[in-house]
Each structure stands twice: as C-alpha cells, then as structure tokens.
Amino acid sequence: MNVFHMIENNSSNDAYEIRSRTYANLAMIAKNKDSVLIFYKLQQEELKKLPEKIYFSAYCENYSYIADTYVEKNKLDSAFYYLSKSYQLKQKYKDPVVYQQYISFGIYYEHKNEPQKALPYFLMAYENMEKYTSRPEYLSYIYSAIAGLYAQSGIIKNRKEFEELQKASDINILTEQIAIWDGHFVNSFRRSAKELC
C-alpha cells in the first residue's frame, strides 16, 4: 500500500513528518539530479507545515541536501543560498553541531576551485566532529578531504598527518565491520550447531 494514500487526508504533524521523510528517501534513490531536487522541494513543502523550532534540524538537513544537489548541478548561487539558510538556522537555534554545514561549504568552495577557502571549512568541520560525532566513517572522509587540500597547497607535513589519521580511521572502521561480521557468523554457527544437536 502507498504511504501517501494511507495519510493523504491527514494533517497531523506525524503525517507531515512521514511525508517529509518519504520525499527525502525518494530523493536519495532518484537517478537524476532534477528528480532529486523535485523530491527535496516536496520535502521542504511538508517541512514548512511543521513548527520550525521543533523541526529545525530537519529543515537544516533539507537545505544542505538541496545545496549539495545544486553544487553537483553547478548552480553555485542557488547552492550558496541554501548552504547559508542551513547554517543560519543552526545559529538561530544555537545548535553547536554544524559539521555538516562546514563540510558542505568546503565542498562548495572545492567545486569553485578555491581550495584556500575550502580548507578552513573542512578544518572547522573536523574540530566540530571531534566534539560531536562518534561515526568513524565521517572522520575518515574529513581526514581525506583535508589531506587532499593540504597536498594542493604544498603543505606536506600537515598532509601526511591527515593521511595517517585517515589510515588509522579506515583500519578502525574495517576492524568494527569485521567484528560485526564475526559476531553474526559466530551466532549463525552456534544456532546451526544447536539445531544439529
């Protein structure tokens, strides 16, 4: 059954949120950038029906995704507009977790071929992530971006430092994945062994 059909006449916050998330999910699996933007704009329309103060994080995420899509489409004025909206909303509600906004600004400036402007944003993202994320895959990405920007700038010592951090992070991620896989394998083996007995 279609989720939209189930809640089509429902005007509750829950229904707006479900429709909003559904549009975001559709955007993530859409094949072309025009469709991605359509779904994110539909998500935005649903978000506007929700109280900003409560759902500002979802608003910020939506603005960031729209901005990233505009960067990919090389529509940089539109991208900057949505990046700014996302960051300003985080500031309005005094949300200290702004690494995604910094990353998006860094990518924006990389796309403009302005690595000297991109690097400070990636460094601010790194500092913010050190405080507010436990997701090692995010850190691996940021280490790689910073190392690459230092390489472009010719700052070898800093490049090597972040390359080493990325390698260590990648090893940690791989170790965690192996541990999870081993746990599943061991549990499956134990279940199979019990069934045989």
N, C-alpha and C. Protein backbone atom coordinates (compact mmCIF):
# COMPACT_ATOMS: atom_id res chain seq x y z
N MET A 1 0.84 -1.18 0.00
CA MET A 1 0.00 0.00 0.00
C MET A 1 0.89 1.25 0.00
N ASN A 2 0.50 2.26 -0.70
CA ASN A 2 1.22 3.52 -0.84
C ASN A 2 1.11 4.35 0.44
N VAL A 3 2.25 4.79 0.98
CA VAL A 3 2.27 5.56 2.22
C VAL A 3 1.49 6.86 2.07
N PHE A 4 1.55 7.47 0.90
CA PHE A 4 0.82 8.72 0.68
C PHE A 4 -0.68 8.50 0.71
N HIS A 5 -1.11 7.36 0.17
CA HIS A 5 -2.53 7.04 0.18
C HIS A 5 -3.03 6.84 1.62
N MET A 6 -2.21 6.22 2.45
CA MET A 6 -2.60 5.95 3.83
C MET A 6 -2.80 7.24 4.63
N ILE A 7 -2.06 8.28 4.32
CA ILE A 7 -2.13 9.50 5.13
C ILE A 7 -2.51 10.74 4.31
N GLU A 8 -3.15 10.53 3.15
CA GLU A 8 -3.41 11.65 2.25
C GLU A 8 -4.29 12.73 2.85
N ASN A 9 -5.24 12.40 3.68
CA ASN A 9 -6.13 13.42 4.25
C ASN A 9 -5.77 13.76 5.69
N ASN A 10 -4.62 13.33 6.11
CA ASN A 10 -4.19 13.54 7.48
C ASN A 10 -3.34 14.81 7.55
N SER A 11 -3.74 15.72 8.43
CA SER A 11 -3.00 16.98 8.56
C SER A 11 -2.32 17.10 9.93
N SER A 12 -1.93 15.98 10.48
CA SER A 12 -1.22 16.00 11.76
C SER A 12 0.27 16.20 11.52
N ASN A 13 0.97 16.59 12.56
CA ASN A 13 2.42 16.73 12.45
C ASN A 13 3.07 15.40 12.08
N ASP A 14 2.53 14.30 12.62
CA ASP A 14 3.07 12.98 12.28
C ASP A 14 2.96 12.71 10.79
N ALA A 15 1.83 13.05 10.19
CA ALA A 15 1.64 12.83 8.76
C ALA A 15 2.58 13.71 7.95
N TYR A 16 2.74 14.96 8.34
CA TYR A 16 3.68 15.85 7.64
C TYR A 16 5.10 15.30 7.73
N GLU A 17 5.45 14.80 8.90
CA GLU A 17 6.79 14.26 9.10
C GLU A 17 7.01 13.01 8.25
N ILE A 18 6.03 12.13 8.22
CA ILE A 18 6.13 10.90 7.43
C ILE A 18 6.27 11.25 5.95
N ARG A 19 5.43 12.17 5.47
CA ARG A 19 5.53 12.56 4.06
C ARG A 19 6.88 13.20 3.77
N SER A 20 7.35 14.03 4.70
CA SER A 20 8.64 14.69 4.54
C SER A 20 9.76 13.66 4.43
N ARG A 21 9.78 12.70 5.32
CA ARG A 21 10.82 11.67 5.30
C ARG A 21 10.72 10.80 4.05
N THR A 22 9.51 10.54 3.63
CA THR A 22 9.31 9.72 2.43
C THR A 22 9.88 10.44 1.20
N TYR A 23 9.62 11.73 1.09
CA TYR A 23 10.17 12.50 -0.03
C TYR A 23 11.70 12.52 0.03
N ALA A 24 12.25 12.66 1.22
CA ALA A 24 13.73 12.64 1.36
C ALA A 24 14.29 11.30 0.92
N ASN A 25 13.63 10.21 1.32
CA ASN A 25 14.08 8.88 0.90
C ASN A 25 13.99 8.70 -0.60
N LEU A 26 12.92 9.22 -1.20
CA LEU A 26 12.79 9.14 -2.66
C LEU A 26 13.89 9.94 -3.35
N ALA A 27 14.24 11.08 -2.77
CA ALA A 27 15.32 11.90 -3.34
C ALA A 27 16.64 11.13 -3.32
N MET A 28 16.87 10.37 -2.26
CA MET A 28 18.13 9.65 -2.13
C MET A 28 18.27 8.50 -3.13
N ILE A 29 17.16 8.00 -3.63
CA ILE A 29 17.25 6.90 -4.59
C ILE A 29 16.95 7.35 -6.02
N ALA A 30 16.62 8.62 -6.20
CA ALA A 30 16.33 9.13 -7.55
C ALA A 30 17.58 9.05 -8.41
N LYS A 31 17.39 8.81 -9.69
CA LYS A 31 18.51 8.59 -10.61
C LYS A 31 19.09 9.88 -11.16
N ASN A 32 18.27 10.90 -11.39
CA ASN A 32 18.82 12.13 -11.97
C ASN A 32 18.62 13.30 -11.01
N LYS A 33 19.47 14.29 -11.16
CA LYS A 33 19.51 15.41 -10.21
C LYS A 33 18.24 16.25 -10.25
N ASP A 34 17.56 16.33 -11.39
CA ASP A 34 16.31 17.09 -11.45
C ASP A 34 15.25 16.42 -10.57
N SER A 35 15.18 15.10 -10.62
CA SER A 35 14.23 14.37 -9.76
C SER A 35 14.61 14.53 -8.30
N VAL A 36 15.89 14.49 -8.02
CA VAL A 36 16.36 14.67 -6.64
C VAL A 36 15.86 16.01 -6.11
N LEU A 37 16.03 17.06 -6.89
CA LEU A 37 15.58 18.39 -6.46
C LEU A 37 14.07 18.45 -6.28
N ILE A 38 13.34 17.83 -7.16
CA ILE A 38 11.87 17.82 -7.03
C ILE A 38 11.47 17.19 -5.71
N PHE A 39 12.06 16.05 -5.38
CA PHE A 39 11.70 15.38 -4.13
C PHE A 39 12.12 16.20 -2.91
N TYR A 40 13.31 16.81 -2.95
CA TYR A 40 13.72 17.64 -1.82
C TYR A 40 12.84 18.87 -1.68
N LYS A 41 12.37 19.42 -2.79
CA LYS A 41 11.45 20.57 -2.72
C LYS A 41 10.09 20.13 -2.15
N LEU A 42 9.65 18.94 -2.51
CA LEU A 42 8.41 18.41 -1.93
C LEU A 42 8.59 18.17 -0.44
N GLN A 43 9.76 17.68 -0.06
CA GLN A 43 10.05 17.51 1.36
C GLN A 43 9.98 18.86 2.06
N GLN A 44 10.56 19.86 1.43
CA GLN A 44 10.58 21.21 2.01
C GLN A 44 9.16 21.73 2.24
N GLU A 45 8.26 21.46 1.29
CA GLU A 45 6.87 21.90 1.45
C GLU A 45 6.21 21.24 2.65
N GLU A 46 6.49 19.98 2.87
CA GLU A 46 5.94 19.29 4.05
C GLU A 46 6.57 19.84 5.33
N LEU A 47 7.86 20.11 5.31
CA LEU A 47 8.53 20.65 6.50
C LEU A 47 7.97 22.01 6.90
N LYS A 48 7.60 22.80 5.92
CA LYS A 48 7.05 24.14 6.21
C LYS A 48 5.77 24.07 7.03
N LYS A 49 5.12 22.93 7.03
CA LYS A 49 3.88 22.74 7.78
C LYS A 49 4.15 22.36 9.24
N LEU A 50 5.41 22.12 9.54
CA LEU A 50 5.82 21.71 10.89
C LEU A 50 6.45 22.90 11.62
N PRO A 51 6.32 22.94 12.95
CA PRO A 51 6.91 24.05 13.70
C PRO A 51 8.44 24.08 13.57
N GLU A 52 8.96 25.19 13.07
CA GLU A 52 10.39 25.31 12.80
C GLU A 52 11.23 25.04 14.04
N LYS A 53 10.82 25.55 15.17
CA LYS A 53 11.62 25.42 16.38
C LYS A 53 11.84 23.96 16.76
N ILE A 54 10.84 23.13 16.54
CA ILE A 54 10.94 21.71 16.89
C ILE A 54 11.67 20.92 15.81
N TYR A 55 11.45 21.29 14.55
CA TYR A 55 11.98 20.51 13.43
C TYR A 55 13.12 21.20 12.70
N PHE A 56 13.79 22.16 13.34
CA PHE A 56 14.82 22.92 12.64
C PHE A 56 15.95 22.04 12.11
N SER A 57 16.26 20.95 12.80
CA SER A 57 17.33 20.06 12.31
C SER A 57 16.94 19.44 10.97
N ALA A 58 15.68 19.06 10.83
CA ALA A 58 15.21 18.51 9.56
C ALA A 58 15.23 19.58 8.47
N TYR A 59 14.86 20.80 8.83
CA TYR A 59 14.93 21.92 7.87
C TYR A 59 16.38 22.08 7.40
N CYS A 60 17.32 22.10 8.35
CA CYS A 60 18.75 22.29 8.02
C CYS A 60 19.26 21.18 7.11
N GLU A 61 18.89 19.97 7.43
CA GLU A 61 19.31 18.83 6.61
C GLU A 61 18.77 18.96 5.19
N ASN A 62 17.51 19.35 5.08
CA ASN A 62 16.89 19.54 3.77
C ASN A 62 17.62 20.63 2.98
N TYR A 63 17.89 21.75 3.62
CA TYR A 63 18.61 22.83 2.94
C TYR A 63 20.00 22.37 2.48
N SER A 64 20.67 21.61 3.34
CA SER A 64 22.01 21.12 2.98
C SER A 64 21.95 20.17 1.79
N TYR A 65 20.96 19.28 1.77
CA TYR A 65 20.84 18.34 0.66
C TYR A 65 20.51 19.08 -0.65
N ILE A 66 19.65 20.07 -0.55
CA ILE A 66 19.33 20.87 -1.75
C ILE A 66 20.60 21.58 -2.23
N ALA A 67 21.34 22.16 -1.30
CA ALA A 67 22.58 22.85 -1.66
C ALA A 67 23.57 21.90 -2.32
N ASP A 68 23.76 20.72 -1.74
CA ASP A 68 24.70 19.75 -2.31
C ASP A 68 24.28 19.35 -3.73
N THR A 69 22.98 19.22 -3.94
CA THR A 69 22.48 18.87 -5.27
C THR A 69 22.75 20.00 -6.26
N TYR A 70 22.56 21.24 -5.81
CA TYR A 70 22.86 22.37 -6.68
C TYR A 70 24.35 22.45 -6.99
N VAL A 71 25.20 22.11 -6.03
CA VAL A 71 26.64 22.08 -6.31
C VAL A 71 26.92 21.06 -7.42
N GLU A 72 26.32 19.88 -7.30
CA GLU A 72 26.52 18.85 -8.32
C GLU A 72 26.02 19.28 -9.69
N LYS A 73 25.00 20.12 -9.70
CA LYS A 73 24.46 20.63 -10.97
C LYS A 73 25.20 21.91 -11.42
N ASN A 74 26.19 22.33 -10.65
CA ASN A 74 26.98 23.52 -10.93
C ASN A 74 26.14 24.80 -10.91
N LYS A 75 25.12 24.81 -10.09
CA LYS A 75 24.30 26.01 -9.88
C LYS A 75 24.71 26.59 -8.52
N LEU A 76 25.83 27.27 -8.55
CA LEU A 76 26.52 27.63 -7.31
C LEU A 76 25.83 28.76 -6.55
N ASP A 77 25.16 29.68 -7.22
CA ASP A 77 24.43 30.73 -6.50
C ASP A 77 23.30 30.12 -5.67
N SER A 78 22.57 29.19 -6.27
CA SER A 78 21.50 28.51 -5.54
C SER A 78 22.07 27.67 -4.41
N ALA A 79 23.18 27.02 -4.68
CA ALA A 79 23.82 26.21 -3.64
C ALA A 79 24.20 27.07 -2.44
N PHE A 80 24.82 28.20 -2.69
CA PHE A 80 25.25 29.08 -1.60
C PHE A 80 24.05 29.59 -0.81
N TYR A 81 22.96 29.90 -1.49
CA TYR A 81 21.74 30.36 -0.83
C TYR A 81 21.26 29.32 0.19
N TYR A 82 21.18 28.06 -0.22
CA TYR A 82 20.69 27.02 0.68
C TYR A 82 21.70 26.65 1.76
N LEU A 83 22.99 26.71 1.44
CA LEU A 83 24.01 26.49 2.47
C LEU A 83 23.88 27.54 3.56
N SER A 84 23.70 28.77 3.15
CA SER A 84 23.57 29.87 4.11
C SER A 84 22.32 29.70 4.97
N LYS A 85 21.21 29.31 4.35
CA LYS A 85 19.97 29.10 5.11
C LYS A 85 20.17 28.02 6.17
N SER A 86 20.83 26.95 5.79
CA SER A 86 21.06 25.85 6.72
C SER A 86 21.91 26.31 7.90
N TYR A 87 23.00 27.00 7.60
CA TYR A 87 23.90 27.46 8.66
C TYR A 87 23.21 28.51 9.55
N GLN A 88 22.50 29.43 8.95
CA GLN A 88 21.82 30.47 9.73
C GLN A 88 20.77 29.89 10.66
N LEU A 89 20.07 28.87 10.22
CA LEU A 89 19.07 28.24 11.08
C LEU A 89 19.73 27.53 12.26
N LYS A 90 20.87 26.89 12.02
CA LYS A 90 21.62 26.28 13.12
C LYS A 90 22.02 27.35 14.14
N GLN A 91 22.46 28.50 13.64
CA GLN A 91 22.86 29.60 14.52
C GLN A 91 21.66 30.15 15.28
N LYS A 92 20.55 30.29 14.60
CA LYS A 92 19.32 30.83 15.22
C LYS A 92 18.93 30.01 16.46
N TYR A 93 19.04 28.71 16.36
CA TYR A 93 18.64 27.84 17.47
C TYR A 93 19.83 27.36 18.31
N LYS A 94 20.97 28.01 18.09
CA LYS A 94 22.18 27.76 18.89
C LYS A 94 22.57 26.28 18.93
N ASP A 95 22.44 25.62 17.80
CA ASP A 95 22.84 24.23 17.68
C ASP A 95 24.34 24.18 17.43
N PRO A 96 25.11 23.58 18.34
CA PRO A 96 26.57 23.56 18.16
C PRO A 96 27.06 22.55 17.13
N VAL A 97 26.20 21.64 16.70
CA VAL A 97 26.60 20.59 15.76
C VAL A 97 26.43 21.12 14.33
N VAL A 98 27.52 21.64 13.79
CA VAL A 98 27.47 22.29 12.47
C VAL A 98 28.46 21.68 11.47
N TYR A 99 28.99 20.50 11.77
CA TYR A 99 30.00 19.95 10.88
C TYR A 99 29.46 19.69 9.48
N GLN A 100 28.19 19.29 9.35
CA GLN A 100 27.65 19.04 8.01
C GLN A 100 27.60 20.33 7.20
N GLN A 101 27.26 21.43 7.84
CA GLN A 101 27.24 22.71 7.15
C GLN A 101 28.66 23.11 6.73
N TYR A 102 29.63 22.91 7.61
CA TYR A 102 31.02 23.22 7.27
C TYR A 102 31.51 22.35 6.10
N ILE A 103 31.19 21.07 6.14
CA ILE A 103 31.58 20.18 5.05
C ILE A 103 30.97 20.66 3.74
N SER A 104 29.70 21.01 3.78
CA SER A 104 29.03 21.46 2.56
C SER A 104 29.66 22.75 2.02
N PHE A 105 30.01 23.68 2.91
CA PHE A 105 30.70 24.88 2.46
C PHE A 105 32.07 24.53 1.87
N GLY A 106 32.76 23.58 2.49
CA GLY A 106 34.05 23.15 1.96
C GLY A 106 33.93 22.55 0.57
N ILE A 107 32.93 21.70 0.38
CA ILE A 107 32.69 21.10 -0.93
C ILE A 107 32.32 22.18 -1.95
N TYR A 108 31.52 23.12 -1.52
CA TYR A 108 31.12 24.24 -2.39
C TYR A 108 32.37 24.97 -2.90
N TYR A 109 33.28 25.32 -1.98
CA TYR A 109 34.48 26.05 -2.39
C TYR A 109 35.44 25.17 -3.19
N GLU A 110 35.47 23.89 -2.90
CA GLU A 110 36.27 22.98 -3.74
C GLU A 110 35.74 22.99 -5.16
N HIS A 111 34.42 22.94 -5.27
CA HIS A 111 33.80 22.93 -6.59
C HIS A 111 34.08 24.23 -7.35
N LYS A 112 34.20 25.32 -6.61
CA LYS A 112 34.54 26.60 -7.23
C LYS A 112 36.03 26.71 -7.52
N ASN A 113 36.77 25.65 -7.23
CA ASN A 113 38.22 25.61 -7.40
C ASN A 113 38.91 26.69 -6.55
N GLU A 114 38.46 26.80 -5.30
CA GLU A 114 39.03 27.73 -4.34
C GLU A 114 39.46 26.96 -3.09
N PRO A 115 40.51 26.13 -3.23
CA PRO A 115 40.92 25.29 -2.10
C PRO A 115 41.33 26.09 -0.87
N GLN A 116 41.85 27.30 -1.05
CA GLN A 116 42.24 28.12 0.10
C GLN A 116 41.03 28.54 0.93
N LYS A 117 39.84 28.59 0.33
CA LYS A 117 38.62 28.87 1.09
C LYS A 117 37.99 27.59 1.61
N ALA A 118 38.20 26.49 0.90
CA ALA A 118 37.61 25.21 1.31
C ALA A 118 38.28 24.67 2.57
N LEU A 119 39.61 24.77 2.64
CA LEU A 119 40.36 24.18 3.74
C LEU A 119 39.88 24.63 5.12
N PRO A 120 39.69 25.93 5.37
CA PRO A 120 39.22 26.33 6.71
C PRO A 120 37.88 25.70 7.09
N TYR A 121 36.99 25.53 6.10
CA TYR A 121 35.70 24.91 6.42
C TYR A 121 35.87 23.44 6.79
N PHE A 122 36.74 22.74 6.08
CA PHE A 122 36.98 21.33 6.43
C PHE A 122 37.66 21.23 7.80
N LEU A 123 38.55 22.16 8.11
CA LEU A 123 39.20 22.14 9.42
C LEU A 123 38.18 22.44 10.53
N MET A 124 37.27 23.38 10.29
CA MET A 124 36.22 23.66 11.28
C MET A 124 35.31 22.45 11.44
N ALA A 125 35.02 21.76 10.32
CA ALA A 125 34.20 20.55 10.39
C ALA A 125 34.90 19.49 11.23
N TYR A 126 36.20 19.34 11.01
CA TYR A 126 37.00 18.37 11.77
C TYR A 126 36.92 18.67 13.27
N GLU A 127 37.12 19.93 13.65
CA GLU A 127 37.06 20.31 15.07
C GLU A 127 35.68 20.06 15.64
N ASN A 128 34.64 20.39 14.88
CA ASN A 128 33.28 20.19 15.35
C ASN A 128 32.96 18.69 15.47
N MET A 129 33.46 17.91 14.53
CA MET A 129 33.22 16.47 14.56
C MET A 129 33.93 15.80 15.74
N GLU A 130 35.10 16.31 16.07
CA GLU A 130 35.83 15.76 17.22
C GLU A 130 34.98 15.85 18.48
N LYS A 131 34.14 16.87 18.57
CA LYS A 131 33.29 17.06 19.75
C LYS A 131 31.97 16.32 19.66
N TYR A 132 31.42 16.20 18.43
CA TYR A 132 30.01 15.83 18.33
C TYR A 132 29.67 14.60 17.51
N THR A 133 30.65 13.85 17.01
CA THR A 133 30.28 12.64 16.29
C THR A 133 31.10 11.46 16.77
N SER A 134 30.47 10.32 16.71
CA SER A 134 31.18 9.08 17.02
C SER A 134 31.22 8.19 15.79
N ARG A 135 30.86 8.74 14.65
CA ARG A 135 30.82 7.99 13.40
C ARG A 135 32.17 8.03 12.71
N PRO A 136 32.96 6.97 12.81
CA PRO A 136 34.32 6.98 12.25
C PRO A 136 34.36 7.19 10.74
N GLU A 137 33.30 6.76 10.03
CA GLU A 137 33.31 6.95 8.58
C GLU A 137 33.26 8.43 8.20
N TYR A 138 32.64 9.24 9.04
CA TYR A 138 32.62 10.69 8.80
C TYR A 138 34.03 11.26 8.96
N LEU A 139 34.71 10.81 9.99
CA LEU A 139 36.06 11.31 10.23
C LEU A 139 37.01 10.88 9.10
N SER A 140 36.87 9.68 8.61
CA SER A 140 37.72 9.22 7.52
C SER A 140 37.56 10.13 6.31
N TYR A 141 36.33 10.48 5.99
CA TYR A 141 36.08 11.36 4.85
C TYR A 141 36.75 12.72 5.06
N ILE A 142 36.60 13.27 6.24
CA ILE A 142 37.13 14.62 6.50
C ILE A 142 38.66 14.58 6.50
N TYR A 143 39.26 13.52 7.04
CA TYR A 143 40.71 13.39 7.00
C TYR A 143 41.20 13.40 5.56
N SER A 144 40.53 12.64 4.71
CA SER A 144 40.90 12.55 3.30
C SER A 144 40.79 13.92 2.61
N ALA A 145 39.69 14.62 2.86
CA ALA A 145 39.48 15.94 2.24
C ALA A 145 40.56 16.92 2.67
N ILE A 146 40.87 16.93 3.96
CA ILE A 146 41.88 17.86 4.48
C ILE A 146 43.26 17.51 3.92
N ALA A 147 43.60 16.23 3.90
CA ALA A 147 44.90 15.81 3.34
C ALA A 147 45.02 16.24 1.89
N GLY A 148 43.95 16.06 1.13
CA GLY A 148 43.97 16.47 -0.28
C GLY A 148 44.15 17.96 -0.45
N LEU A 149 43.50 18.75 0.39
CA LEU A 149 43.64 20.21 0.29
C LEU A 149 45.03 20.66 0.73
N TYR A 150 45.58 20.01 1.74
CA TYR A 150 46.96 20.33 2.12
C TYR A 150 47.93 19.95 0.99
N ALA A 151 47.67 18.84 0.32
CA ALA A 151 48.52 18.44 -0.81
C ALA A 151 48.47 19.49 -1.91
N GLN A 152 47.28 20.01 -2.20
CA GLN A 152 47.15 21.06 -3.22
C GLN A 152 47.90 22.31 -2.82
N SER A 153 47.95 22.57 -1.52
CA SER A 153 48.63 23.77 -1.02
C SER A 153 50.13 23.55 -0.86
N GLY A 154 50.58 22.30 -0.97
CA GLY A 154 52.00 22.00 -0.83
C GLY A 154 52.47 21.91 0.61
N ILE A 155 51.55 21.78 1.55
CA ILE A 155 51.91 21.68 2.97
C ILE A 155 52.01 20.19 3.31
N ILE A 156 53.20 19.63 3.09
CA ILE A 156 53.42 18.19 3.16
C ILE A 156 53.24 17.64 4.58
N LYS A 157 53.78 18.35 5.58
CA LYS A 157 53.71 17.84 6.96
C LYS A 157 52.25 17.65 7.39
N ASN A 158 51.42 18.65 7.15
CA ASN A 158 50.01 18.54 7.54
C ASN A 158 49.28 17.49 6.70
N ARG A 159 49.63 17.40 5.42
CA ARG A 159 49.03 16.38 4.56
C ARG A 159 49.30 15.00 5.12
N LYS A 160 50.56 14.74 5.47
CA LYS A 160 50.93 13.42 5.99
C LYS A 160 50.20 13.11 7.30
N GLU A 161 50.07 14.13 8.15
CA GLU A 161 49.36 13.94 9.42
C GLU A 161 47.93 13.46 9.18
N PHE A 162 47.23 14.11 8.25
CA PHE A 162 45.84 13.74 8.00
C PHE A 162 45.72 12.45 7.19
N GLU A 163 46.71 12.14 6.38
CA GLU A 163 46.72 10.84 5.70
C GLU A 163 46.86 9.72 6.72
N GLU A 164 47.72 9.93 7.73
CA GLU A 164 47.88 8.92 8.78
C GLU A 164 46.60 8.77 9.60
N LEU A 165 45.95 9.89 9.90
CA LEU A 165 44.68 9.83 10.62
C LEU A 165 43.64 9.07 9.80
N GLN A 166 43.62 9.31 8.49
CA GLN A 166 42.66 8.60 7.64
C GLN A 166 42.95 7.11 7.63
N LYS A 167 44.20 6.73 7.51
CA LYS A 167 44.56 5.30 7.51
C LYS A 167 44.13 4.64 8.81
N ALA A 168 44.41 5.30 9.92
CA ALA A 168 44.02 4.74 11.23
C ALA A 168 42.50 4.63 11.33
N SER A 169 41.81 5.64 10.84
CA SER A 169 40.35 5.63 10.87
C SER A 169 39.80 4.50 10.00
N ASP A 170 40.36 4.34 8.81
CA ASP A 170 39.91 3.27 7.92
C ASP A 170 40.15 1.89 8.54
N ILE A 171 41.27 1.73 9.22
CA ILE A 171 41.56 0.47 9.90
C ILE A 171 40.53 0.22 11.00
N ASN A 172 40.20 1.27 11.76
CA ASN A 172 39.19 1.13 12.82
C ASN A 172 37.83 0.75 12.25
N ILE A 173 37.46 1.38 11.15
CA ILE A 173 36.17 1.07 10.50
C ILE A 173 36.17 -0.39 10.05
N LEU A 174 37.23 -0.80 9.40
CA LEU A 174 37.34 -2.18 8.92
C LEU A 174 37.30 -3.17 10.09
N THR A 175 38.00 -2.85 11.16
CA THR A 175 38.01 -3.70 12.34
C THR A 175 36.61 -3.84 12.93
N GLU A 176 35.87 -2.72 13.00
CA GLU A 176 34.50 -2.77 13.51
C GLU A 176 33.61 -3.62 12.61
N GLN A 177 33.78 -3.46 11.29
CA GLN A 177 32.96 -4.24 10.36
C GLN A 177 33.27 -5.73 10.47
N ILE A 178 34.54 -6.07 10.62
CA ILE A 178 34.92 -7.48 10.78
C ILE A 178 34.35 -8.03 12.08
N ALA A 179 34.42 -7.24 13.14
CA ALA A 179 33.88 -7.70 14.43
C ALA A 179 32.37 -7.94 14.32
N ILE A 180 31.68 -7.07 13.63
CA ILE A 180 30.23 -7.26 13.45
C ILE A 180 29.98 -8.52 12.63
N TRP A 181 30.73 -8.66 11.53
CA TRP A 181 30.57 -9.83 10.68
C TRP A 181 30.90 -11.11 11.45
N ASP A 182 32.01 -11.09 12.20
CA ASP A 182 32.39 -12.25 13.01
C ASP A 182 31.30 -12.60 14.00
N GLY A 183 30.72 -11.57 14.62
CA GLY A 183 29.64 -11.81 15.58
C GLY A 183 28.45 -12.48 14.93
N HIS A 184 28.08 -12.02 13.74
CA HIS A 184 26.98 -12.64 13.02
C HIS A 184 27.32 -14.08 12.62
N PHE A 185 28.55 -14.28 12.17
CA PHE A 185 28.98 -15.61 11.75
C PHE A 185 28.98 -16.56 12.94
N VAL A 186 29.54 -16.12 14.07
CA VAL A 186 29.61 -16.97 15.26
C VAL A 186 28.21 -17.31 15.74
N ASN A 187 27.32 -16.31 15.78
CA ASN A 187 25.95 -16.57 16.22
C ASN A 187 25.22 -17.52 15.28
N SER A 188 25.43 -17.36 13.96
CA SER A 188 24.82 -18.28 12.99
C SER A 188 25.36 -19.68 13.17
N PHE A 189 26.66 -19.78 13.39
CA PHE A 189 27.28 -21.09 13.60
C PHE A 189 26.72 -21.75 14.85
N ARG A 190 26.58 -20.97 15.92
CA ARG A 190 26.05 -21.54 17.17
C ARG A 190 24.61 -22.02 16.98
N ARG A 191 23.78 -21.22 16.27
CA ARG A 191 22.40 -21.63 16.02
C ARG A 191 22.37 -22.93 15.20
N SER A 192 23.22 -22.99 14.18
CA SER A 192 23.27 -24.20 13.34
C SER A 192 23.73 -25.40 14.15
N ALA A 193 24.70 -25.22 15.01
CA ALA A 193 25.21 -26.31 15.84
C ALA A 193 24.12 -26.80 16.79
N LYS A 194 23.35 -25.87 17.38
CA LYS A 194 22.27 -26.26 18.29
C LYS A 194 21.19 -27.04 17.54
N GLU A 195 20.91 -26.63 16.30
CA GLU A 195 19.90 -27.33 15.52
C GLU A 195 20.33 -28.75 15.19
N LEU A 196 21.61 -28.96 15.02
CA LEU A 196 22.12 -30.29 14.72
C LEU A 196 22.06 -31.23 15.93
N CYS A 197 22.14 -30.65 17.12
CA CYS A 197 22.18 -31.48 18.33
C CYS A 197 20.85 -31.94 18.75
